[in-house]
Amino acid sequence: MFKRLVIAVILLGLIVGGIVWFKYFRDDMIAQYLGGMVPPPVPVSTETVEAVTWEPGIEAIGTALSARGVDLAIESGGLVRAIQFSANDKISKDQHLVQIDDDSEAASLAAAKAGLSVALADANRAHTLSERGVGAANTVESADAQVQSARAQVAQVQTALDSKKLVAPFDGVIGIPQIEVGQYVTPGTIYATLQDLSHMRVDFAVPEQQIADLTMGGPVSVTSEVGNFSAKGNIIAIEPRVDSNSRMVSVRAEVDNPSGELYPGQFLRVRIALPKEEGVIAVPQTAVSSTLYGDSIYVLRPGDTAEEQKVEQVFVTIGRRSGARIEVVKGIAAGDEIVTSGQNRLTSGARVKVDNSVVLDAPAGE
C-alpha cells in the first residue's frame, strides 16, 4: 500500500514539473521569436526646416458693431396713426417714419397761437396808450410779459406736436417694425432698429502681455466665418485699463463695409499685423507633439545602412503661432528634416519610410 502511494506521488510530481517546465519553455520560445522580429518602417511625411520671413500678428475674436446704430424709441405716447417704412428699407436722415396721434396737440397749438395773437394785440395797445401819455408803465411791462409767456406756450405745444412725428436721426437701413397701426404706445417703446452699414466697428480683446504691440491707427484685418467676408481697417480706440478678471484689454477697430455683407453682432476673426522678422524657424503645427514631458519634434537621422532612416525625438521650445505654423525658438536648426505627420506610431530610434505623396494622421491633440 505504501509502495503504491509513493509511486503515485512521484508520478504526480513528474506531471506537475513537466507542465511547469513546458510553460517556461513556451514563454522563452515566444520571447526569442518576438525578439528576433524587426518592425517594418513607419510611413511618415517630412519637411525640411528653413529660416523664413515671419509675419507675426495678434489673433483675436471680435464682434461687429455698426459705426452708427440705434434702437429707435417712441418719444411721446399715444395711438399709432401711420407707419411710413417697411423692413430693410434704406432710410435717409430726417425721413418721416412713424406718426403718433396728434389731434390734441394740434388743437392746443391753435389755442396757444390764438392766445399769442391776443397778447400781441394787448401789448400794441398798451404801447400806443403809453406813447400818448395815458397809460401806466407797469401796464406796458405786464403786456410784454404776457407776450413772452404766450410765445413760450406756443413753443412748448409745438415741441409736443413735433414729438408725435418720428423721423430718422441718420442715413441707414431700418429693421422690422415692432409696432402696429392702432396700437397704443408709451414713451420709450422701441419701434425699430436703424443701422448704418457703410462703416462698421469691431470690438475685441487682447492679452495684457501684448498691450505694447497695440498702436492707435494700427492696421487690422477681419474675416467672417460666414460668406467669406474679409476687410481691412485701423484701430480707433484702446481701453486705457486692463480688466482685472480676464487680464485683457478692450480694443476697437473700424472697417469699411461698402457691400453691406457684414451685420452688427456678427462673429469675426481679427488679426493685427506686426512688423516682419527675418530668419525665424517656423514649422507646421502638426509637427509638434505635446505631452506632459514637454513639446517635441521627430527629426530624421541616418540609419545603420545607406537606405535606412531613423528618427530622433528632440525636445523643443516653441514660441508664437501664426496660422498653421509655429515658431521654434530652440531645439532644431535650418536644414533639419522633420516629421510632419505619422508621429503617433513613432518612438525615438524607430525606422521610418518617407512618403510625402499623402498627408498621414496628425499627432493627437492637434
Protein backbone atom coordinates (compact mmCIF):
# COMPACT_ATOMS: atom_id res chain seq x y z
CA MET A 1 0.00 0.00 0.00
CA PHE A 2 2.77 2.35 1.00
CA LYS A 3 4.69 1.48 -2.18
CA ARG A 4 1.73 2.41 -4.38
CA LEU A 5 1.34 5.76 -2.62
CA VAL A 6 5.00 6.61 -3.22
CA ILE A 7 4.70 5.75 -6.90
CA ALA A 8 1.57 7.97 -7.26
CA VAL A 9 3.32 10.92 -5.59
CA ILE A 10 6.33 10.52 -7.87
CA LEU A 11 4.14 10.39 -10.98
CA LEU A 12 2.18 13.44 -9.85
CA GLY A 13 5.42 15.33 -9.24
CA LEU A 14 6.68 14.41 -12.72
CA ILE A 15 3.45 15.59 -14.33
CA VAL A 16 3.38 18.94 -12.45
CA GLY A 17 7.07 19.50 -13.13
CA GLY A 18 6.55 18.79 -16.81
CA ILE A 19 3.70 21.28 -17.04
CA VAL A 20 5.74 23.99 -15.29
CA TRP A 21 8.77 23.28 -17.47
CA PHE A 22 6.65 23.44 -20.65
CA LYS A 23 5.16 26.79 -19.63
CA TYR A 24 8.56 28.36 -19.10
CA PHE A 25 9.89 26.75 -22.29
CA ARG A 26 6.96 28.10 -24.30
CA ASP A 27 7.32 31.64 -22.88
CA ASP A 28 11.06 31.60 -23.61
CA MET A 29 10.49 30.48 -27.21
CA ILE A 30 7.85 33.19 -27.75
CA ALA A 31 10.18 35.85 -26.31
CA GLN A 32 13.02 34.69 -28.57
CA TYR A 33 10.72 34.74 -31.61
CA LEU A 34 9.37 38.20 -30.92
CA GLY A 35 12.82 39.49 -30.03
CA GLY A 36 14.10 38.45 -33.42
CA MET A 37 11.29 40.25 -35.28
CA VAL A 38 12.19 43.66 -36.72
CA PRO A 39 9.20 46.03 -37.02
CA PRO A 40 8.66 47.41 -40.53
CA PRO A 41 9.49 51.08 -41.21
CA VAL A 42 6.74 53.51 -40.25
CA PRO A 43 5.48 55.64 -43.17
CA VAL A 44 5.75 59.36 -42.42
CA SER A 45 5.70 62.66 -44.27
CA THR A 46 8.52 65.13 -43.75
CA GLU A 47 9.59 68.69 -44.38
CA THR A 48 12.99 70.35 -44.47
CA VAL A 49 13.28 73.18 -41.94
CA GLU A 50 14.05 76.59 -43.43
CA ALA A 51 14.54 80.01 -41.93
CA VAL A 52 11.63 82.12 -43.15
CA THR A 53 10.36 85.68 -43.04
CA TRP A 54 7.98 85.64 -40.11
CA GLU A 55 4.89 87.81 -40.26
CA PRO A 56 3.82 87.95 -36.63
CA GLY A 57 0.41 89.08 -35.61
CA ILE A 58 -2.08 89.19 -32.77
CA GLU A 59 -5.06 86.90 -33.24
CA ALA A 60 -8.36 87.71 -31.54
CA ILE A 61 -12.10 87.07 -31.68
CA GLY A 62 -14.26 90.13 -32.35
CA THR A 63 -17.86 91.26 -32.65
CA ALA A 64 -19.10 93.56 -35.39
CA LEU A 65 -20.87 96.80 -34.50
CA SER A 66 -22.26 99.47 -36.78
CA ALA A 67 -20.46 102.80 -36.59
CA ARG A 68 -23.90 104.34 -36.09
CA GLY A 69 -26.67 102.11 -34.86
CA VAL A 70 -29.59 102.77 -32.51
CA ASP A 71 -32.86 101.31 -31.35
CA LEU A 72 -35.48 103.90 -32.29
CA ALA A 73 -37.94 104.63 -29.48
CA ILE A 74 -41.23 106.45 -29.06
CA GLU A 75 -40.78 109.97 -27.66
CA SER A 76 -44.39 110.71 -26.74
CA GLY A 77 -47.15 108.19 -26.07
CA GLY A 78 -50.38 107.78 -27.98
CA LEU A 79 -52.09 105.83 -30.73
CA VAL A 80 -50.03 104.90 -33.80
CA ARG A 81 -51.71 106.52 -36.82
CA ALA A 82 -49.20 105.61 -39.57
CA ILE A 83 -46.01 103.63 -40.15
CA GLN A 84 -44.08 105.10 -43.07
CA PHE A 85 -41.45 102.39 -43.59
CA SER A 86 -41.00 98.68 -44.29
CA ALA A 87 -38.37 96.28 -43.03
CA ASN A 88 -34.91 96.68 -44.64
CA ASP A 89 -35.75 99.99 -46.29
CA LYS A 90 -32.84 102.34 -46.88
CA ILE A 91 -33.67 105.41 -44.83
CA SER A 92 -32.46 108.99 -45.26
CA LYS A 93 -31.82 111.43 -42.45
CA ASP A 94 -35.00 113.24 -41.24
CA GLN A 95 -37.23 110.86 -43.19
CA HIS A 96 -40.72 110.53 -41.64
CA LEU A 97 -41.02 107.07 -40.04
CA VAL A 98 -43.94 106.95 -37.60
CA GLN A 99 -46.88 109.24 -36.90
CA ILE A 100 -48.50 109.25 -33.47
CA ASP A 101 -51.99 110.70 -33.00
CA ASP A 102 -51.51 114.47 -32.55
CA ASP A 103 -55.07 115.86 -32.69
CA SER A 104 -54.91 117.08 -29.11
CA GLU A 105 -51.54 118.77 -29.60
CA ALA A 106 -52.70 120.39 -32.85
CA ALA A 107 -55.74 121.84 -31.07
CA SER A 108 -53.57 123.04 -28.20
CA LEU A 109 -51.21 124.69 -30.68
CA ALA A 110 -54.08 126.52 -32.35
CA ALA A 111 -55.27 127.75 -28.94
CA ALA A 112 -51.74 128.83 -27.99
CA LYS A 113 -51.34 130.76 -31.24
CA ALA A 114 -54.68 132.46 -30.65
CA GLY A 115 -53.55 133.41 -27.16
CA LEU A 116 -50.34 134.81 -28.62
CA SER A 117 -52.34 136.95 -31.06
CA VAL A 118 -54.42 138.37 -28.19
CA ALA A 119 -51.28 139.05 -26.15
CA LEU A 120 -49.65 140.85 -29.08
CA ALA A 121 -52.74 142.98 -29.62
CA ASP A 122 -52.88 143.90 -25.92
CA ALA A 123 -49.17 144.74 -25.95
CA ASN A 124 -49.56 147.00 -29.03
CA ARG A 125 -52.49 148.79 -27.41
CA ALA A 126 -50.56 149.30 -24.17
CA HIS A 127 -47.56 150.70 -26.08
CA THR A 128 -49.84 153.13 -28.05
CA LEU A 129 -51.51 154.42 -24.88
CA SER A 130 -48.14 154.78 -23.20
CA GLU A 131 -46.78 156.83 -26.09
CA ARG A 132 -49.82 159.15 -25.79
CA GLY A 133 -49.15 159.55 -22.09
CA VAL A 134 -52.41 158.00 -20.94
CA GLY A 135 -51.09 154.55 -19.98
CA ALA A 136 -49.13 153.37 -16.94
CA ALA A 137 -45.59 151.98 -17.35
CA ASN A 138 -46.44 148.81 -15.42
CA THR A 139 -49.26 148.10 -17.86
CA VAL A 140 -46.76 148.03 -20.74
CA GLU A 141 -44.42 145.74 -18.82
CA SER A 142 -47.27 143.38 -17.96
CA ALA A 143 -48.38 143.25 -21.60
CA ASP A 144 -44.85 142.46 -22.79
CA ALA A 145 -44.59 139.68 -20.20
CA GLN A 146 -47.86 138.23 -21.45
CA VAL A 147 -46.48 138.17 -24.99
CA GLN A 148 -43.35 136.31 -23.88
CA SER A 149 -45.46 133.81 -21.93
CA ALA A 150 -47.73 133.24 -24.91
CA ARG A 151 -44.74 132.66 -27.19
CA ALA A 152 -43.27 130.15 -24.72
CA GLN A 153 -46.61 128.39 -24.62
CA VAL A 154 -46.66 128.14 -28.42
CA ALA A 155 -43.09 126.77 -28.46
CA GLN A 156 -43.95 124.21 -25.78
CA VAL A 157 -47.03 122.95 -27.62
CA GLN A 158 -45.08 122.91 -30.92
CA THR A 159 -42.42 120.72 -29.33
CA ALA A 160 -45.09 118.31 -28.07
CA LEU A 161 -46.62 118.25 -31.56
CA ASP A 162 -43.24 117.60 -33.20
CA SER A 163 -42.59 114.66 -30.83
CA LYS A 164 -45.58 112.91 -32.39
CA LYS A 165 -43.78 112.84 -35.74
CA LEU A 166 -40.84 110.44 -35.53
CA VAL A 167 -38.02 110.91 -38.06
CA ALA A 168 -34.71 109.14 -38.80
CA PRO A 169 -31.66 110.60 -37.00
CA PHE A 170 -29.25 109.50 -39.77
CA ASP A 171 -28.98 107.51 -43.01
CA GLY A 172 -29.12 103.74 -42.67
CA VAL A 173 -31.08 100.53 -43.05
CA ILE A 174 -34.13 100.10 -40.84
CA GLY A 175 -35.22 96.83 -39.30
CA ILE A 176 -38.53 95.06 -38.71
CA PRO A 177 -41.33 97.28 -37.31
CA GLN A 178 -42.08 96.41 -33.69
CA ILE A 179 -45.40 98.27 -33.54
CA GLU A 180 -48.68 98.23 -35.48
CA VAL A 181 -51.11 100.89 -36.66
CA GLY A 182 -53.77 101.48 -33.99
CA GLN A 183 -51.55 100.27 -31.17
CA TYR A 184 -51.24 102.45 -28.08
CA VAL A 185 -47.56 103.05 -27.30
CA THR A 186 -45.83 104.61 -24.32
CA PRO A 187 -42.65 106.72 -24.24
CA GLY A 188 -39.56 104.56 -24.55
CA THR A 189 -41.23 101.82 -26.61
CA ILE A 190 -38.75 100.62 -29.26
CA TYR A 191 -40.39 100.57 -32.68
CA ALA A 192 -37.42 99.57 -34.92
CA THR A 193 -33.63 99.45 -35.18
CA LEU A 194 -31.67 101.70 -37.53
CA GLN A 195 -28.16 100.67 -38.59
CA ASP A 196 -25.64 102.46 -40.79
CA LEU A 197 -23.92 99.51 -42.50
CA SER A 198 -21.49 101.51 -44.64
CA HIS A 199 -18.91 101.67 -41.84
CA MET A 200 -18.50 99.00 -39.20
CA ARG A 201 -16.67 98.79 -35.92
CA VAL A 202 -15.13 95.66 -34.44
CA ASP A 203 -14.72 95.19 -30.71
CA PHE A 204 -12.22 92.61 -29.46
CA ALA A 205 -9.81 91.98 -26.60
CA VAL A 206 -6.12 91.06 -26.42
CA PRO A 207 -3.99 89.77 -23.50
CA GLU A 208 -2.22 92.31 -21.34
CA GLN A 209 1.15 90.90 -22.46
CA GLN A 210 0.51 92.31 -25.96
CA ILE A 211 -0.53 95.84 -25.00
CA ALA A 212 2.86 97.20 -26.08
CA ASP A 213 2.20 95.94 -29.63
CA LEU A 214 -1.01 97.98 -29.96
CA THR A 215 -0.89 101.40 -31.61
CA MET A 216 -3.61 103.88 -32.48
CA GLY A 217 -4.26 103.69 -36.21
CA GLY A 218 -2.51 100.31 -36.48
CA PRO A 219 -3.69 98.06 -39.33
CA VAL A 220 -6.10 95.19 -38.69
CA SER A 221 -7.75 92.62 -40.92
CA VAL A 222 -11.03 90.84 -40.19
CA THR A 223 -12.66 87.75 -41.66
CA SER A 224 -16.05 86.21 -41.04
CA GLU A 225 -16.99 82.58 -40.63
CA VAL A 226 -19.95 83.03 -43.00
CA GLY A 227 -19.93 84.45 -46.51
CA ASN A 228 -16.14 84.67 -46.89
CA PHE A 229 -16.21 88.33 -45.90
CA SER A 230 -12.85 89.99 -45.33
CA ALA A 231 -11.88 93.61 -44.83
CA LYS A 232 -9.05 95.79 -43.59
CA GLY A 233 -9.22 98.68 -41.20
CA ASN A 234 -7.47 100.53 -38.40
CA ILE A 235 -7.51 100.65 -34.63
CA ILE A 236 -9.50 103.68 -33.45
CA ALA A 237 -9.60 103.09 -29.68
CA ILE A 238 -7.69 101.22 -26.96
CA GLU A 239 -9.23 100.93 -23.50
CA PRO A 240 -6.90 102.69 -21.01
CA ARG A 241 -7.24 99.93 -18.41
CA VAL A 242 -6.90 96.15 -18.16
CA ASP A 243 -9.85 94.06 -16.98
CA SER A 244 -8.82 92.70 -13.58
CA ASN A 245 -10.83 89.50 -14.07
CA SER A 246 -9.78 88.45 -17.57
CA ARG A 247 -6.43 90.34 -17.78
CA MET A 248 -7.49 91.51 -21.22
CA VAL A 249 -7.63 94.98 -22.73
CA SER A 250 -10.51 96.01 -24.98
CA VAL A 251 -9.74 97.36 -28.45
CA ARG A 252 -11.98 98.85 -31.16
CA ALA A 253 -11.23 98.99 -34.87
CA GLU A 254 -13.15 100.46 -37.80
CA VAL A 255 -13.50 98.78 -41.20
CA ASP A 256 -15.33 99.64 -44.40
CA ASN A 257 -18.40 97.65 -45.39
CA PRO A 258 -19.38 99.04 -48.82
CA SER A 259 -21.13 95.84 -49.90
CA GLY A 260 -23.22 95.65 -46.71
CA GLU A 261 -22.30 91.97 -46.22
CA LEU A 262 -21.28 92.47 -42.58
CA TYR A 263 -24.02 92.84 -39.97
CA PRO A 264 -23.85 94.13 -36.39
CA GLY A 265 -23.34 91.35 -33.86
CA GLN A 266 -21.58 89.07 -36.34
CA PHE A 267 -18.67 86.87 -35.20
CA LEU A 268 -15.29 87.89 -36.67
CA ARG A 269 -11.69 86.73 -36.55
CA VAL A 270 -9.33 89.65 -36.09
CA ARG A 271 -5.62 89.83 -36.87
CA ILE A 272 -3.33 92.73 -36.03
CA ALA A 273 -0.28 92.66 -38.30
CA LEU A 274 3.11 93.30 -36.66
CA PRO A 275 6.49 94.13 -38.29
CA LYS A 276 8.11 91.29 -40.26
CA GLU A 277 11.09 89.36 -38.84
CA GLU A 278 13.81 87.62 -40.84
CA GLY A 279 15.47 84.27 -40.14
CA VAL A 280 12.78 82.72 -37.96
CA ILE A 281 12.48 78.93 -37.70
CA ALA A 282 8.81 78.06 -38.24
CA VAL A 283 7.35 74.58 -38.73
CA PRO A 284 3.84 73.19 -39.29
CA GLN A 285 1.92 72.91 -36.05
CA THR A 286 1.25 69.25 -36.86
CA ALA A 287 4.99 68.56 -36.49
CA VAL A 288 4.92 69.35 -32.77
CA SER A 289 3.85 66.63 -30.33
CA SER A 290 2.83 67.86 -26.88
CA THR A 291 2.99 65.64 -23.80
CA LEU A 292 3.36 66.06 -20.05
CA TYR A 293 7.12 65.97 -20.55
CA GLY A 294 7.12 68.91 -22.99
CA ASP A 295 6.93 69.66 -26.70
CA SER A 296 8.95 67.57 -29.12
CA ILE A 297 9.64 67.09 -32.83
CA TYR A 298 10.87 63.94 -34.58
CA VAL A 299 14.00 64.65 -36.64
CA LEU A 300 15.28 62.27 -39.35
CA ARG A 301 18.74 60.75 -38.75
CA PRO A 302 20.86 58.31 -40.84
CA GLY A 303 20.18 54.63 -40.14
CA ASP A 304 22.50 51.64 -39.94
CA THR A 305 22.57 51.41 -43.74
CA ALA A 306 22.61 53.98 -46.52
CA GLU A 307 18.97 53.24 -47.38
CA GLU A 308 17.72 53.16 -43.81
CA GLN A 309 16.47 56.21 -41.93
CA LYS A 310 15.61 56.61 -38.28
CA VAL A 311 14.05 59.34 -36.18
CA GLU A 312 15.20 61.04 -33.04
CA GLN A 313 12.75 62.68 -30.66
CA VAL A 314 14.06 66.19 -29.99
CA PHE A 315 12.50 68.34 -27.28
CA VAL A 316 12.00 71.92 -28.43
CA THR A 317 10.99 75.31 -27.10
CA ILE A 318 8.09 76.75 -29.06
CA GLY A 319 7.10 80.39 -29.45
CA ARG A 320 4.46 82.28 -31.36
CA ARG A 321 1.82 80.87 -33.66
CA SER A 322 0.71 82.25 -36.99
CA GLY A 323 -1.93 80.45 -38.99
CA ALA A 324 -0.90 76.80 -39.44
CA ARG A 325 2.74 77.35 -38.43
CA ILE A 326 4.50 77.73 -35.11
CA GLU A 327 7.84 79.28 -34.20
CA VAL A 328 10.57 77.03 -32.77
CA VAL A 329 12.90 79.02 -30.54
CA LYS A 330 15.27 76.20 -29.55
CA GLY A 331 15.90 72.56 -30.43
CA ILE A 332 16.20 72.36 -34.23
CA ALA A 333 18.02 74.30 -36.92
CA ALA A 334 17.59 75.16 -40.57
CA GLY A 335 18.35 72.16 -42.78
CA ASP A 336 16.93 69.54 -40.39
CA GLU A 337 14.35 67.22 -41.92
CA ILE A 338 11.43 66.79 -39.56
CA VAL A 339 8.37 64.56 -39.44
CA THR A 340 5.15 66.49 -40.06
CA SER A 341 2.66 63.61 -39.83
CA GLY A 342 2.60 59.98 -38.75
CA GLN A 343 4.13 60.63 -35.31
CA ASN A 344 1.50 58.62 -33.45
CA ARG A 345 3.29 55.37 -34.25
CA LEU A 346 6.84 56.63 -33.63
CA THR A 347 9.33 56.27 -30.82
CA SER A 348 12.84 57.64 -30.69
CA GLY A 349 15.10 55.44 -32.83
CA ALA A 350 12.26 53.93 -34.88
CA ARG A 351 12.86 53.18 -38.55
CA VAL A 352 10.78 55.25 -40.96
CA LYS A 353 9.88 55.37 -44.62
CA VAL A 354 9.38 58.84 -46.06
CA ASP A 355 6.25 59.21 -48.18
CA ASN A 356 5.34 62.80 -48.99
CA SER A 357 2.70 61.86 -51.56
CA VAL A 358 -0.03 61.79 -48.90
CA VAL A 359 -0.64 63.51 -45.58
CA LEU A 360 -0.88 60.97 -42.80
CA ASP A 361 -2.50 61.31 -39.42
CA ALA A 362 -1.51 64.25 -37.25
CA PRO A 363 -0.46 63.92 -33.63
CA ALA A 364 -3.17 63.54 -31.05
CA GLY A 365 -4.47 66.79 -29.68
CA GLU A 366 -3.66 68.81 -32.80
